[in-house]
Amino acid sequence: MDLSKKNDYKQKLLSLIPPFPQNISNPALRVELRKSVEDHGDRLEDDEYWLLRDSLIDDGLIE
């Protein structure tokens, strides 16, 4: 995944996370993000999802 797509997908993933105190499971987030990515003609593998999610954690944007 190239850097521009990574940044786009990180922002999309972040937008899918509901505000506190609501929550969503990782499997549900993965499904929603995968749909969005596929709508743009790309694929999202499970390991790519985890890299995106972990990157948001590293950036301090989610816990």
C-alpha atoms as a PDB file:
ATOM      1  CA  MET A   1       0.000   0.000   0.000  1.00  0.00           C
ATOM      2  CA  ASP A   2       1.506   3.325  -1.016  1.00  0.00           C
ATOM      3  CA  LEU A   3       1.789   6.228   1.413  1.00  0.00           C
ATOM      4  CA  SER A   4      -1.053   8.325  -0.030  1.00  0.00           C
ATOM      5  CA  LYS A   5      -3.459   5.381   0.112  1.00  0.00           C
ATOM      6  CA  LYS A   6      -2.299   4.563   3.625  1.00  0.00           C
ATOM      7  CA  ASN A   7      -3.078   8.094   4.773  1.00  0.00           C
ATOM      8  CA  ASP A   8      -6.461   8.071   3.004  1.00  0.00           C
ATOM      9  CA  TYR A   9      -7.389   4.722   4.516  1.00  0.00           C
ATOM     10  CA  LYS A  10      -6.232   5.798   7.987  1.00  0.00           C
ATOM     11  CA  GLN A  11      -8.538   8.798   7.777  1.00  0.00           C
ATOM     12  CA  LYS A  12     -11.395   6.626   6.541  1.00  0.00           C
ATOM     13  CA  LEU A  13     -10.841   4.136   9.356  1.00  0.00           C
ATOM     14  CA  LEU A  14     -10.768   6.955  11.892  1.00  0.00           C
ATOM     15  CA  SER A  15     -14.044   8.319  10.495  1.00  0.00           C
ATOM     16  CA  LEU A  16     -15.688   4.908  10.988  1.00  0.00           C
ATOM     17  CA  ILE A  17     -14.963   4.843  14.714  1.00  0.00           C
ATOM     18  CA  PRO A  18     -17.961   6.170  16.675  1.00  0.00           C
ATOM     19  CA  PRO A  19     -17.473   8.765  19.419  1.00  0.00           C
ATOM     20  CA  PHE A  20     -17.059   7.698  23.028  1.00  0.00           C
ATOM     21  CA  PRO A  21     -18.903   6.040  24.779  1.00  0.00           C
ATOM     22  CA  GLN A  22     -20.091   4.136  21.708  1.00  0.00           C
ATOM     23  CA  ASN A  23     -17.879   1.389  20.381  1.00  0.00           C
ATOM     24  CA  ILE A  24     -17.416  -0.889  17.385  1.00  0.00           C
ATOM     25  CA  SER A  25     -15.528  -4.149  17.138  1.00  0.00           C
ATOM     26  CA  ASN A  26     -12.413  -4.601  15.043  1.00  0.00           C
ATOM     27  CA  PRO A  27     -14.158  -7.186  12.830  1.00  0.00           C
ATOM     28  CA  ALA A  28     -16.998  -4.736  12.121  1.00  0.00           C
ATOM     29  CA  LEU A  29     -14.526  -1.923  11.398  1.00  0.00           C
ATOM     30  CA  ARG A  30     -12.564  -4.182   9.084  1.00  0.00           C
ATOM     31  CA  VAL A  31     -15.714  -5.051   7.122  1.00  0.00           C
ATOM     32  CA  GLU A  32     -16.732  -1.393   6.794  1.00  0.00           C
ATOM     33  CA  LEU A  33     -13.258  -0.249   5.785  1.00  0.00           C
ATOM     34  CA  ARG A  34     -12.929  -3.112   3.320  1.00  0.00           C
ATOM     35  CA  LYS A  35     -16.223  -2.061   1.666  1.00  0.00           C
ATOM     36  CA  SER A  36     -14.989   1.502   1.326  1.00  0.00           C
ATOM     37  CA  VAL A  37     -11.643   0.424  -0.105  1.00  0.00           C
ATOM     38  CA  GLU A  38     -13.301  -1.944  -2.571  1.00  0.00           C
ATOM     39  CA  ASP A  39     -15.618   0.871  -3.692  1.00  0.00           C
ATOM     40  CA  HIS A  40     -12.426   2.611  -4.871  1.00  0.00           C
ATOM     41  CA  GLY A  41     -11.238  -0.467  -6.774  1.00  0.00           C
ATOM     42  CA  ASP A  42      -8.659  -1.580  -4.224  1.00  0.00           C
ATOM     43  CA  ARG A  43      -8.344  -4.500  -1.834  1.00  0.00           C
ATOM     44  CA  LEU A  44      -7.630  -4.469   1.862  1.00  0.00           C
ATOM     45  CA  GLU A  45      -6.000  -7.505   3.430  1.00  0.00           C
ATOM     46  CA  ASP A  46      -6.331  -8.262   7.135  1.00  0.00           C
ATOM     47  CA  ASP A  47      -2.672  -7.466   7.811  1.00  0.00           C
ATOM     48  CA  GLU A  48      -3.112  -4.057   6.149  1.00  0.00           C
ATOM     49  CA  TYR A  49      -6.095  -3.306   8.389  1.00  0.00           C
ATOM     50  CA  TRP A  50      -4.021  -4.079  11.482  1.00  0.00           C
ATOM     51  CA  LEU A  51      -1.174  -1.871  10.225  1.00  0.00           C
ATOM     52  CA  LEU A  52      -3.622   1.002   9.726  1.00  0.00           C
ATOM     53  CA  ARG A  53      -5.229   0.480  13.128  1.00  0.00           C
ATOM     54  CA  ASP A  54      -1.878   0.206  14.886  1.00  0.00           C
ATOM     55  CA  SER A  55      -0.713   3.352  13.112  1.00  0.00           C
ATOM     56  CA  LEU A  56      -3.719   5.253  14.524  1.00  0.00           C
ATOM     57  CA  ILE A  57      -2.807   3.969  17.991  1.00  0.00           C
ATOM     58  CA  ASP A  58       0.845   4.996  17.517  1.00  0.00           C
ATOM     59  CA  ASP A  59      -0.322   8.459  16.431  1.00  0.00           C
ATOM     60  CA  GLY A  60      -2.361   8.738  19.654  1.00  0.00           C
ATOM     61  CA  LEU A  61      -5.640   9.066  17.752  1.00  0.00           C
ATOM     62  CA  ILE A  62      -7.271   5.972  19.245  1.00  0.00           C
ATOM     63  CA  GLU A  63      -6.655   3.729  22.240  1.00  0.00           C
END
